[in-house]
Amino acid sequence: MAQGSTEGRSSSSLWMMAALVCSMGILFGAGILVSSRVLTSMAPPAGASSLTAHTPTADLRVENRNETGPGLPLYPRAALLLSGANTGESLPHAKHADSQTTTYYTEDVPPLVDSWYLQHLSGEFVRHTVGEPQAPSELDEVPAPIDSVAFLGRRGNQVRMVTLTSNSTGTRITLVRFGKPSAE
């Protein structure tokens, strides 16, 4: 009788081992399937030239290498203005050939946008008012109405600028980056 119970125990432990190996295989396969689905969903769609991902803290925009914007902080509630869009006004363009200009619009009032940029731009940026006496020559780079606000940052030959222009319905934000020719 003792020999039969030993065989029964070894037979049941063999079945338990087989069930454990099968369940581990199923879990491993499910893990690979789920991870491949997650990685596939993170890839940009085929043929997409740019992609914007909206997160709770910021909007992230993927651009082609030759289409990168000025690389400046973007006001959170701003929408990109395209040059072909029906905006009722012409979009500003920088004078330098190698400049990168991107224009955005928000319905928020200029003091709110101004305050946000004061908090989020680095210390190299200096706040100016367009039309102020002895204004830096770089403010002439992007045409803006008198009393517009401009944040100007210089790093070597590179100039970066954020211009805030108000209108009756909100604020236009122009982000500009260009290189100044070196004085030789």
N, C-alpha and C. Protein backbone atom coordinates (compact mmCIF):
# COMPACT_ATOMS: atom_id res chain seq x y z
N MET A 1 0.82 -1.19 0.00
CA MET A 1 0.00 0.00 0.00
C MET A 1 0.86 1.25 0.00
N ALA A 2 1.96 1.16 0.71
CA ALA A 2 2.86 2.31 0.80
C ALA A 2 3.47 2.60 -0.55
N GLN A 3 3.73 1.58 -1.34
CA GLN A 3 4.33 1.80 -2.64
C GLN A 3 3.35 2.48 -3.59
N GLY A 4 2.10 2.18 -3.54
CA GLY A 4 1.07 2.80 -4.39
C GLY A 4 0.88 4.26 -4.07
N SER A 5 0.94 4.62 -2.78
CA SER A 5 0.78 6.04 -2.41
C SER A 5 1.98 6.85 -2.84
N THR A 6 3.17 6.25 -2.86
CA THR A 6 4.36 6.95 -3.31
C THR A 6 4.28 7.20 -4.80
N GLU A 7 3.80 6.21 -5.55
CA GLU A 7 3.63 6.40 -6.99
C GLU A 7 2.57 7.45 -7.27
N GLY A 8 1.51 7.48 -6.50
CA GLY A 8 0.45 8.47 -6.67
C GLY A 8 0.95 9.88 -6.41
N ARG A 9 1.81 9.99 -5.36
CA ARG A 9 2.38 11.31 -5.05
C ARG A 9 3.32 11.78 -6.14
N SER A 10 4.16 10.91 -6.64
CA SER A 10 5.10 11.31 -7.69
C SER A 10 4.36 11.60 -8.98
N SER A 11 3.30 10.87 -9.25
CA SER A 11 2.49 11.13 -10.44
C SER A 11 1.80 12.48 -10.33
N SER A 12 1.24 12.81 -9.16
CA SER A 12 0.56 14.10 -9.00
C SER A 12 1.57 15.25 -9.00
N SER A 13 2.77 15.03 -8.43
CA SER A 13 3.77 16.11 -8.47
C SER A 13 4.26 16.33 -9.90
N LEU A 14 4.30 15.27 -10.70
CA LEU A 14 4.68 15.40 -12.10
C LEU A 14 3.63 16.24 -12.85
N TRP A 15 2.34 15.99 -12.57
CA TRP A 15 1.29 16.79 -13.19
C TRP A 15 1.33 18.24 -12.73
N MET A 16 1.64 18.45 -11.45
CA MET A 16 1.74 19.82 -10.93
C MET A 16 2.91 20.56 -11.58
N MET A 17 4.05 19.88 -11.79
CA MET A 17 5.19 20.50 -12.47
C MET A 17 4.82 20.86 -13.91
N ALA A 18 4.13 19.95 -14.60
CA ALA A 18 3.73 20.21 -15.98
C ALA A 18 2.77 21.40 -16.04
N ALA A 19 1.84 21.47 -15.08
CA ALA A 19 0.90 22.59 -15.04
C ALA A 19 1.63 23.90 -14.75
N LEU A 20 2.61 23.86 -13.85
CA LEU A 20 3.40 25.05 -13.53
C LEU A 20 4.19 25.53 -14.75
N VAL A 21 4.83 24.62 -15.47
CA VAL A 21 5.60 24.98 -16.67
C VAL A 21 4.67 25.56 -17.74
N CYS A 22 3.52 24.95 -17.93
CA CYS A 22 2.55 25.46 -18.92
C CYS A 22 2.05 26.86 -18.55
N SER A 23 1.73 27.05 -17.28
CA SER A 23 1.22 28.37 -16.87
C SER A 23 2.31 29.43 -16.98
N MET A 24 3.57 29.09 -16.67
CA MET A 24 4.67 30.04 -16.83
C MET A 24 4.85 30.40 -18.32
N GLY A 25 4.72 29.42 -19.18
CA GLY A 25 4.83 29.66 -20.62
C GLY A 25 3.72 30.58 -21.11
N ILE A 26 2.51 30.37 -20.62
CA ILE A 26 1.37 31.22 -21.01
C ILE A 26 1.59 32.65 -20.52
N LEU A 27 2.03 32.82 -19.27
CA LEU A 27 2.30 34.15 -18.73
C LEU A 27 3.42 34.85 -19.49
N PHE A 28 4.48 34.12 -19.82
CA PHE A 28 5.59 34.70 -20.58
C PHE A 28 5.10 35.15 -21.97
N GLY A 29 4.34 34.32 -22.63
CA GLY A 29 3.80 34.67 -23.95
C GLY A 29 2.88 35.88 -23.88
N ALA A 30 2.03 35.95 -22.85
CA ALA A 30 1.13 37.10 -22.68
C ALA A 30 1.94 38.38 -22.42
N GLY A 31 3.02 38.27 -21.64
CA GLY A 31 3.87 39.43 -21.38
C GLY A 31 4.51 39.95 -22.65
N ILE A 32 5.00 39.06 -23.49
CA ILE A 32 5.60 39.48 -24.77
C ILE A 32 4.54 40.12 -25.66
N LEU A 33 3.35 39.55 -25.72
CA LEU A 33 2.28 40.11 -26.54
C LEU A 33 1.90 41.52 -26.08
N VAL A 34 1.73 41.69 -24.78
CA VAL A 34 1.34 43.00 -24.24
C VAL A 34 2.44 44.03 -24.48
N SER A 35 3.70 43.66 -24.23
CA SER A 35 4.79 44.62 -24.44
C SER A 35 4.93 45.00 -25.91
N SER A 36 4.72 44.06 -26.82
CA SER A 36 4.80 44.41 -28.25
C SER A 36 3.66 45.35 -28.64
N ARG A 37 2.48 45.16 -28.06
CA ARG A 37 1.35 46.07 -28.34
C ARG A 37 1.65 47.47 -27.82
N VAL A 38 2.24 47.57 -26.62
CA VAL A 38 2.57 48.87 -26.04
C VAL A 38 3.61 49.57 -26.91
N LEU A 39 4.65 48.86 -27.30
CA LEU A 39 5.70 49.47 -28.13
C LEU A 39 5.16 49.89 -29.50
N THR A 40 4.26 49.11 -30.06
CA THR A 40 3.66 49.46 -31.34
C THR A 40 2.79 50.70 -31.22
N SER A 41 2.08 50.84 -30.12
CA SER A 41 1.21 52.01 -29.95
C SER A 41 2.01 53.28 -29.72
N MET A 42 3.25 53.17 -29.24
CA MET A 42 4.09 54.35 -29.00
C MET A 42 4.76 54.84 -30.27
N ALA A 43 4.84 54.05 -31.29
CA ALA A 43 5.50 54.45 -32.54
C ALA A 43 4.59 55.41 -33.30
N PRO A 44 5.19 56.42 -33.97
CA PRO A 44 4.37 57.33 -34.76
C PRO A 44 3.75 56.61 -35.94
N PRO A 45 2.58 57.06 -36.38
CA PRO A 45 1.94 56.42 -37.53
C PRO A 45 2.81 56.54 -38.77
N ALA A 46 2.71 55.55 -39.63
CA ALA A 46 3.50 55.55 -40.86
C ALA A 46 3.12 56.76 -41.72
N GLY A 47 4.12 57.45 -42.22
CA GLY A 47 3.89 58.60 -43.08
C GLY A 47 3.60 59.89 -42.34
N ALA A 48 3.63 59.87 -41.01
CA ALA A 48 3.37 61.10 -40.24
C ALA A 48 4.63 61.95 -40.23
N SER A 49 4.53 63.19 -40.70
CA SER A 49 5.69 64.07 -40.71
C SER A 49 5.88 64.73 -39.35
N SER A 50 4.82 64.95 -38.61
CA SER A 50 4.95 65.48 -37.25
C SER A 50 3.82 64.91 -36.41
N LEU A 51 4.08 64.81 -35.14
CA LEU A 51 3.12 64.21 -34.23
C LEU A 51 3.11 65.02 -32.94
N THR A 52 1.95 65.32 -32.42
CA THR A 52 1.84 66.03 -31.15
C THR A 52 1.20 65.11 -30.13
N ALA A 53 1.90 64.94 -29.01
CA ALA A 53 1.38 64.13 -27.91
C ALA A 53 0.97 65.07 -26.79
N HIS A 54 -0.27 64.93 -26.33
CA HIS A 54 -0.79 65.79 -25.28
C HIS A 54 -0.69 65.06 -23.95
N THR A 55 0.05 65.65 -23.01
CA THR A 55 0.18 65.09 -21.68
C THR A 55 -0.36 66.09 -20.68
N PRO A 56 -0.59 65.69 -19.44
CA PRO A 56 -1.13 66.64 -18.46
C PRO A 56 -0.21 67.83 -18.18
N THR A 57 1.10 67.64 -18.34
CA THR A 57 2.04 68.73 -18.02
C THR A 57 2.47 69.54 -19.23
N ALA A 58 2.43 68.97 -20.44
CA ALA A 58 2.91 69.70 -21.61
C ALA A 58 2.42 69.02 -22.88
N ASP A 59 2.52 69.74 -23.98
CA ASP A 59 2.29 69.16 -25.30
C ASP A 59 3.66 68.91 -25.92
N LEU A 60 3.89 67.70 -26.38
CA LEU A 60 5.16 67.35 -26.99
C LEU A 60 4.96 67.20 -28.48
N ARG A 61 5.81 67.83 -29.25
CA ARG A 61 5.68 67.79 -30.69
C ARG A 61 6.92 67.17 -31.29
N VAL A 62 6.75 66.12 -32.08
CA VAL A 62 7.85 65.47 -32.76
C VAL A 62 7.96 66.08 -34.14
N GLU A 63 9.16 66.53 -34.48
CA GLU A 63 9.38 67.18 -35.77
C GLU A 63 10.50 66.48 -36.51
N ASN A 64 10.50 66.61 -37.81
CA ASN A 64 11.61 66.11 -38.60
C ASN A 64 12.85 66.93 -38.30
N ARG A 65 14.02 66.36 -38.54
CA ARG A 65 15.27 67.03 -38.22
C ARG A 65 15.38 68.39 -38.91
N ASN A 66 14.92 68.52 -40.14
CA ASN A 66 15.02 69.79 -40.85
C ASN A 66 13.86 70.73 -40.55
N GLU A 67 12.94 70.36 -39.66
CA GLU A 67 11.80 71.20 -39.35
C GLU A 67 11.75 71.59 -37.88
N THR A 68 12.87 71.50 -37.17
CA THR A 68 12.84 71.81 -35.75
C THR A 68 12.58 73.29 -35.54
N GLY A 69 11.78 73.60 -34.53
CA GLY A 69 11.44 74.98 -34.22
C GLY A 69 12.52 75.63 -33.37
N PRO A 70 12.23 76.79 -32.82
CA PRO A 70 13.24 77.54 -32.08
C PRO A 70 13.68 76.91 -30.76
N GLY A 71 13.01 75.91 -30.26
CA GLY A 71 13.44 75.26 -29.04
C GLY A 71 13.26 76.11 -27.80
N LEU A 72 12.19 76.85 -27.71
CA LEU A 72 11.89 77.70 -26.57
C LEU A 72 10.66 77.16 -25.85
N PRO A 73 10.48 77.49 -24.56
CA PRO A 73 9.30 77.00 -23.84
C PRO A 73 8.01 77.52 -24.49
N LEU A 74 7.02 76.68 -24.53
CA LEU A 74 5.75 77.04 -25.16
C LEU A 74 4.67 77.18 -24.10
N TYR A 75 3.98 78.29 -24.14
CA TYR A 75 2.87 78.54 -23.23
C TYR A 75 1.87 77.39 -23.34
N PRO A 76 1.41 76.83 -22.21
CA PRO A 76 0.61 75.60 -22.24
C PRO A 76 -0.70 75.67 -23.02
N ARG A 77 -1.38 76.80 -23.04
CA ARG A 77 -2.67 76.87 -23.72
C ARG A 77 -2.57 77.56 -25.07
N ALA A 78 -1.43 77.38 -25.74
CA ALA A 78 -1.21 78.02 -27.04
C ALA A 78 -1.43 77.00 -28.15
N ALA A 79 -1.96 77.50 -29.26
CA ALA A 79 -2.20 76.66 -30.44
C ALA A 79 -1.33 77.19 -31.58
N LEU A 80 -0.78 76.28 -32.34
CA LEU A 80 0.09 76.63 -33.46
C LEU A 80 -0.70 77.33 -34.55
N LEU A 81 -0.18 78.46 -35.04
CA LEU A 81 -0.78 79.15 -36.18
C LEU A 81 0.01 78.77 -37.42
N LEU A 82 -0.66 78.24 -38.41
CA LEU A 82 -0.01 77.87 -39.65
C LEU A 82 -0.09 79.02 -40.64
N SER A 83 0.90 79.14 -41.50
CA SER A 83 0.95 80.28 -42.41
C SER A 83 -0.21 80.29 -43.39
N GLY A 84 -0.78 79.15 -43.71
CA GLY A 84 -1.90 79.10 -44.63
C GLY A 84 -3.26 79.23 -43.95
N ALA A 85 -3.26 79.35 -42.63
CA ALA A 85 -4.52 79.40 -41.89
C ALA A 85 -5.21 80.75 -42.08
N ASN A 86 -6.52 80.74 -41.94
CA ASN A 86 -7.30 81.97 -42.07
C ASN A 86 -7.33 82.68 -40.72
N THR A 87 -6.29 83.48 -40.44
CA THR A 87 -6.18 84.13 -39.15
C THR A 87 -6.64 85.58 -39.19
N GLY A 88 -6.81 86.14 -40.36
CA GLY A 88 -7.22 87.53 -40.47
C GLY A 88 -6.06 88.50 -40.37
N GLU A 89 -4.86 87.99 -40.10
CA GLU A 89 -3.68 88.83 -40.05
C GLU A 89 -2.49 88.04 -40.58
N SER A 90 -1.51 88.74 -41.11
CA SER A 90 -0.34 88.04 -41.63
C SER A 90 0.58 87.67 -40.47
N LEU A 91 1.22 86.51 -40.59
CA LEU A 91 2.11 86.05 -39.54
C LEU A 91 3.47 86.71 -39.71
N PRO A 92 4.13 87.04 -38.60
CA PRO A 92 5.43 87.68 -38.69
C PRO A 92 6.50 86.71 -39.20
N HIS A 93 7.44 87.23 -39.96
CA HIS A 93 8.57 86.45 -40.44
C HIS A 93 9.85 87.18 -40.08
N ALA A 94 10.85 86.42 -39.65
CA ALA A 94 12.13 87.02 -39.28
C ALA A 94 12.89 87.46 -40.53
N LYS A 95 13.80 88.42 -40.35
CA LYS A 95 14.55 88.98 -41.47
C LYS A 95 15.74 88.12 -41.87
N HIS A 96 16.35 87.40 -40.93
CA HIS A 96 17.51 86.58 -41.25
C HIS A 96 17.09 85.34 -42.02
N ALA A 97 17.91 84.94 -42.98
CA ALA A 97 17.59 83.76 -43.79
C ALA A 97 17.68 82.48 -42.98
N ASP A 98 18.57 82.43 -41.99
CA ASP A 98 18.75 81.21 -41.21
C ASP A 98 17.92 81.19 -39.92
N SER A 99 16.94 82.07 -39.83
CA SER A 99 16.13 82.13 -38.61
C SER A 99 15.04 81.06 -38.64
N GLN A 100 14.60 80.68 -37.44
CA GLN A 100 13.50 79.74 -37.29
C GLN A 100 12.42 80.46 -36.49
N THR A 101 11.25 80.59 -37.09
CA THR A 101 10.15 81.32 -36.46
C THR A 101 8.93 80.42 -36.39
N THR A 102 8.30 80.40 -35.22
CA THR A 102 7.06 79.67 -35.03
C THR A 102 6.09 80.59 -34.30
N THR A 103 4.84 80.63 -34.75
CA THR A 103 3.86 81.53 -34.16
C THR A 103 2.71 80.72 -33.57
N TYR A 104 2.31 81.12 -32.37
CA TYR A 104 1.23 80.46 -31.64
C TYR A 104 0.21 81.51 -31.23
N TYR A 105 -0.96 81.03 -30.82
CA TYR A 105 -2.02 81.94 -30.38
C TYR A 105 -2.70 81.34 -29.15
N THR A 106 -3.04 82.22 -28.20
CA THR A 106 -3.82 81.80 -27.04
C THR A 106 -4.88 82.85 -26.76
N GLU A 107 -5.99 82.42 -26.21
CA GLU A 107 -7.06 83.36 -25.86
C GLU A 107 -6.80 84.02 -24.50
N ASP A 108 -5.73 83.62 -23.82
CA ASP A 108 -5.41 84.21 -22.53
C ASP A 108 -4.91 85.66 -22.71
N VAL A 109 -5.11 86.48 -21.68
CA VAL A 109 -4.73 87.89 -21.74
C VAL A 109 -3.20 88.01 -21.65
N PRO A 110 -2.64 89.05 -22.27
CA PRO A 110 -1.18 89.22 -22.29
C PRO A 110 -0.50 89.23 -20.92
N PRO A 111 -1.07 89.87 -19.88
CA PRO A 111 -0.37 89.83 -18.58
C PRO A 111 -0.18 88.41 -18.03
N LEU A 112 -1.13 87.52 -18.29
CA LEU A 112 -1.03 86.14 -17.83
C LEU A 112 0.09 85.41 -18.58
N VAL A 113 0.14 85.60 -19.89
CA VAL A 113 1.18 84.96 -20.71
C VAL A 113 2.54 85.54 -20.35
N ASP A 114 2.61 86.86 -20.17
CA ASP A 114 3.84 87.54 -19.78
C ASP A 114 4.36 86.97 -18.46
N SER A 115 3.50 86.83 -17.49
CA SER A 115 3.88 86.28 -16.18
C SER A 115 4.40 84.86 -16.31
N TRP A 116 3.76 84.05 -17.15
CA TRP A 116 4.18 82.67 -17.34
C TRP A 116 5.60 82.62 -17.91
N TYR A 117 5.87 83.45 -18.91
CA TYR A 117 7.20 83.46 -19.51
C TYR A 117 8.25 84.01 -18.54
N LEU A 118 7.89 84.96 -17.69
CA LEU A 118 8.83 85.45 -16.68
C LEU A 118 9.27 84.31 -15.76
N GLN A 119 8.37 83.38 -15.48
CA GLN A 119 8.68 82.26 -14.59
C GLN A 119 9.40 81.12 -15.29
N HIS A 120 9.20 80.95 -16.61
CA HIS A 120 9.69 79.76 -17.29
C HIS A 120 10.90 79.97 -18.19
N LEU A 121 11.31 81.20 -18.44
CA LEU A 121 12.50 81.43 -19.24
C LEU A 121 13.72 81.50 -18.32
N SER A 122 14.85 81.11 -18.85
CA SER A 122 16.08 81.12 -18.04
C SER A 122 16.54 82.55 -17.78
N GLY A 123 17.53 82.69 -16.93
CA GLY A 123 18.03 84.00 -16.52
C GLY A 123 18.71 84.78 -17.63
N GLU A 124 19.08 84.12 -18.72
CA GLU A 124 19.73 84.84 -19.82
C GLU A 124 18.74 85.71 -20.61
N PHE A 125 17.44 85.50 -20.42
CA PHE A 125 16.44 86.28 -21.14
C PHE A 125 16.15 87.58 -20.39
N VAL A 126 16.11 88.67 -21.15
CA VAL A 126 15.81 89.99 -20.60
C VAL A 126 14.51 90.47 -21.22
N ARG A 127 13.61 90.98 -20.38
CA ARG A 127 12.30 91.46 -20.85
C ARG A 127 12.44 92.89 -21.38
N HIS A 128 11.92 93.13 -22.58
CA HIS A 128 11.93 94.45 -23.21
C HIS A 128 10.53 94.77 -23.70
N THR A 129 10.26 96.05 -23.90
CA THR A 129 9.04 96.50 -24.54
C THR A 129 9.42 97.06 -25.90
N VAL A 130 8.73 96.60 -26.94
CA VAL A 130 9.03 97.09 -28.29
C VAL A 130 8.73 98.58 -28.33
N GLY A 131 9.68 99.34 -28.85
CA GLY A 131 9.52 100.79 -28.95
C GLY A 131 10.15 101.54 -27.79
N GLU A 132 10.72 100.83 -26.81
CA GLU A 132 11.37 101.51 -25.70
C GLU A 132 12.65 102.19 -26.17
N PRO A 133 13.05 103.29 -25.51
CA PRO A 133 14.29 103.95 -25.90
C PRO A 133 15.48 103.02 -25.72
N GLN A 134 16.42 103.08 -26.60
CA GLN A 134 17.64 102.28 -26.59
C GLN A 134 17.35 100.78 -26.57
N ALA A 135 16.37 100.37 -27.34
CA ALA A 135 16.04 98.94 -27.43
C ALA A 135 17.13 98.22 -28.22
N PRO A 136 17.41 96.97 -27.89
CA PRO A 136 18.42 96.21 -28.65
C PRO A 136 18.02 96.07 -30.11
N SER A 137 19.02 96.03 -30.98
CA SER A 137 18.75 95.94 -32.43
C SER A 137 18.08 94.62 -32.79
N GLU A 138 18.24 93.57 -31.99
CA GLU A 138 17.63 92.27 -32.28
C GLU A 138 16.11 92.33 -32.26
N LEU A 139 15.54 93.32 -31.57
CA LEU A 139 14.08 93.43 -31.53
C LEU A 139 13.51 93.80 -32.90
N ASP A 140 14.35 94.31 -33.78
CA ASP A 140 13.90 94.62 -35.14
C ASP A 140 13.80 93.37 -36.00
N GLU A 141 14.26 92.24 -35.49
CA GLU A 141 14.26 90.99 -36.26
C GLU A 141 12.84 90.56 -36.66
N VAL A 142 11.90 90.67 -35.74
CA VAL A 142 10.51 90.28 -36.01
C VAL A 142 9.65 91.52 -35.83
N PRO A 143 8.93 91.92 -36.88
CA PRO A 143 8.07 93.10 -36.74
C PRO A 143 6.97 92.86 -35.71
N ALA A 144 6.88 93.79 -34.76
CA ALA A 144 5.84 93.70 -33.72
C ALA A 144 5.37 95.11 -33.41
N PRO A 145 4.10 95.28 -33.08
CA PRO A 145 3.58 96.61 -32.76
C PRO A 145 4.24 97.19 -31.51
N ILE A 146 4.23 98.51 -31.44
CA ILE A 146 4.73 99.21 -30.26
C ILE A 146 3.99 98.68 -29.03
N ASP A 147 4.65 98.61 -27.92
CA ASP A 147 4.14 98.13 -26.63
C ASP A 147 3.99 96.62 -26.57
N SER A 148 4.45 95.89 -27.60
CA SER A 148 4.51 94.43 -27.47
C SER A 148 5.65 94.10 -26.52
N VAL A 149 5.57 92.93 -25.91
CA VAL A 149 6.60 92.49 -24.97
C VAL A 149 7.51 91.51 -25.69
N ALA A 150 8.81 91.64 -25.48
CA ALA A 150 9.77 90.72 -26.07
C ALA A 150 10.77 90.27 -25.01
N PHE A 151 11.01 88.98 -24.95
CA PHE A 151 12.04 88.41 -24.09
C PHE A 151 13.21 88.05 -25.00
N LEU A 152 14.38 88.57 -24.72
CA LEU A 152 15.53 88.41 -25.60
C LEU A 152 16.64 87.70 -24.84
N GLY A 153 17.14 86.62 -25.43
CA GLY A 153 18.24 85.88 -24.83
C GLY A 153 19.36 85.71 -25.83
N ARG A 154 20.59 85.97 -25.39
CA ARG A 154 21.76 85.83 -26.26
C ARG A 154 22.70 84.81 -25.65
N ARG A 155 23.23 83.94 -26.51
CA ARG A 155 24.24 82.97 -26.10
C ARG A 155 25.23 82.85 -27.24
N GLY A 156 26.36 83.52 -27.10
CA GLY A 156 27.34 83.55 -28.18
C GLY A 156 26.75 84.29 -29.36
N ASN A 157 26.77 83.67 -30.53
CA ASN A 157 26.19 84.28 -31.74
C ASN A 157 24.71 83.94 -31.91
N GLN A 158 24.18 83.11 -31.03
CA GLN A 158 22.78 82.70 -31.16
C GLN A 158 21.87 83.64 -30.37
N VAL A 159 20.79 84.07 -31.02
CA VAL A 159 19.79 84.93 -30.38
C VAL A 159 18.48 84.18 -30.37
N ARG A 160 17.82 84.18 -29.20
CA ARG A 160 16.49 83.57 -29.07
C ARG A 160 15.55 84.65 -28.54
N MET A 161 14.32 84.64 -29.06
CA MET A 161 13.39 85.70 -28.70
C MET A 161 11.97 85.15 -28.61
N VAL A 162 11.24 85.65 -27.62
CA VAL A 162 9.82 85.36 -27.47
C VAL A 162 9.11 86.71 -27.53
N THR A 163 8.22 86.89 -28.49
CA THR A 163 7.48 88.15 -28.64
C THR A 163 6.01 87.90 -28.35
N LEU A 164 5.43 88.74 -27.48
CA LEU A 164 4.01 88.64 -27.12
C LEU A 164 3.29 89.87 -27.65
N THR A 165 2.32 89.64 -28.52
CA THR A 165 1.56 90.73 -29.13
C THR A 165 0.09 90.51 -28.81
N SER A 166 -0.54 91.55 -28.27
CA SER A 166 -1.95 91.40 -27.90
C SER A 166 -2.85 91.87 -29.03
N ASN A 167 -4.03 91.27 -29.07
CA ASN A 167 -5.09 91.76 -29.96
C ASN A 167 -6.40 91.69 -29.19
N SER A 168 -7.49 91.92 -29.83
CA SER A 168 -8.77 92.02 -29.11
C SER A 168 -9.25 90.70 -28.51
N THR A 169 -8.73 89.57 -29.00
CA THR A 169 -9.24 88.28 -28.52
C THR A 169 -8.22 87.45 -27.77
N GLY A 170 -6.98 87.90 -27.66
CA GLY A 170 -5.98 87.09 -26.97
C GLY A 170 -4.57 87.59 -27.19
N THR A 171 -3.64 86.64 -27.26
CA THR A 171 -2.22 86.96 -27.38
C THR A 171 -1.58 86.10 -28.45
N ARG A 172 -0.79 86.73 -29.32
CA ARG A 172 0.01 86.01 -30.31
C ARG A 172 1.42 85.86 -29.75
N ILE A 173 1.94 84.65 -29.77
CA ILE A 173 3.27 84.34 -29.24
C ILE A 173 4.15 83.95 -30.43
N THR A 174 5.24 84.68 -30.63
CA THR A 174 6.16 84.38 -31.71
C THR A 174 7.49 83.95 -31.10
N LEU A 175 7.93 82.75 -31.44
CA LEU A 175 9.20 82.22 -30.96
C LEU A 175 10.20 82.27 -32.11
N VAL A 176 11.36 82.87 -31.87
CA VAL A 176 12.35 83.08 -32.93
C VAL A 176 13.72 82.66 -32.42
N ARG A 177 14.50 82.05 -33.31
CA ARG A 177 15.91 81.75 -33.05
C ARG A 177 16.69 82.03 -34.32
N PHE A 178 17.78 82.76 -34.18
CA PHE A 178 18.65 83.02 -35.33
C PHE A 178 20.07 83.24 -34.85
N GLY A 179 21.01 83.14 -35.78
CA GLY A 179 22.42 83.37 -35.47
C GLY A 179 22.83 84.71 -36.01
N LYS A 180 23.53 85.49 -35.18
CA LYS A 180 24.06 86.76 -35.62
C LYS A 180 25.41 86.50 -36.29
N PRO A 181 25.68 87.21 -37.38
CA PRO A 181 26.99 87.04 -38.00
C PRO A 181 28.07 87.53 -37.05
N SER A 182 29.16 86.78 -36.97
CA SER A 182 30.24 87.17 -36.06
C SER A 182 30.98 88.37 -36.63
N ALA A 183 31.32 89.31 -35.76
CA ALA A 183 32.05 90.52 -36.19
C ALA A 183 33.51 90.17 -36.36
N GLU A 184 34.01 90.29 -37.59
CA GLU A 184 35.41 89.96 -37.87
C GLU A 184 36.16 91.16 -38.30
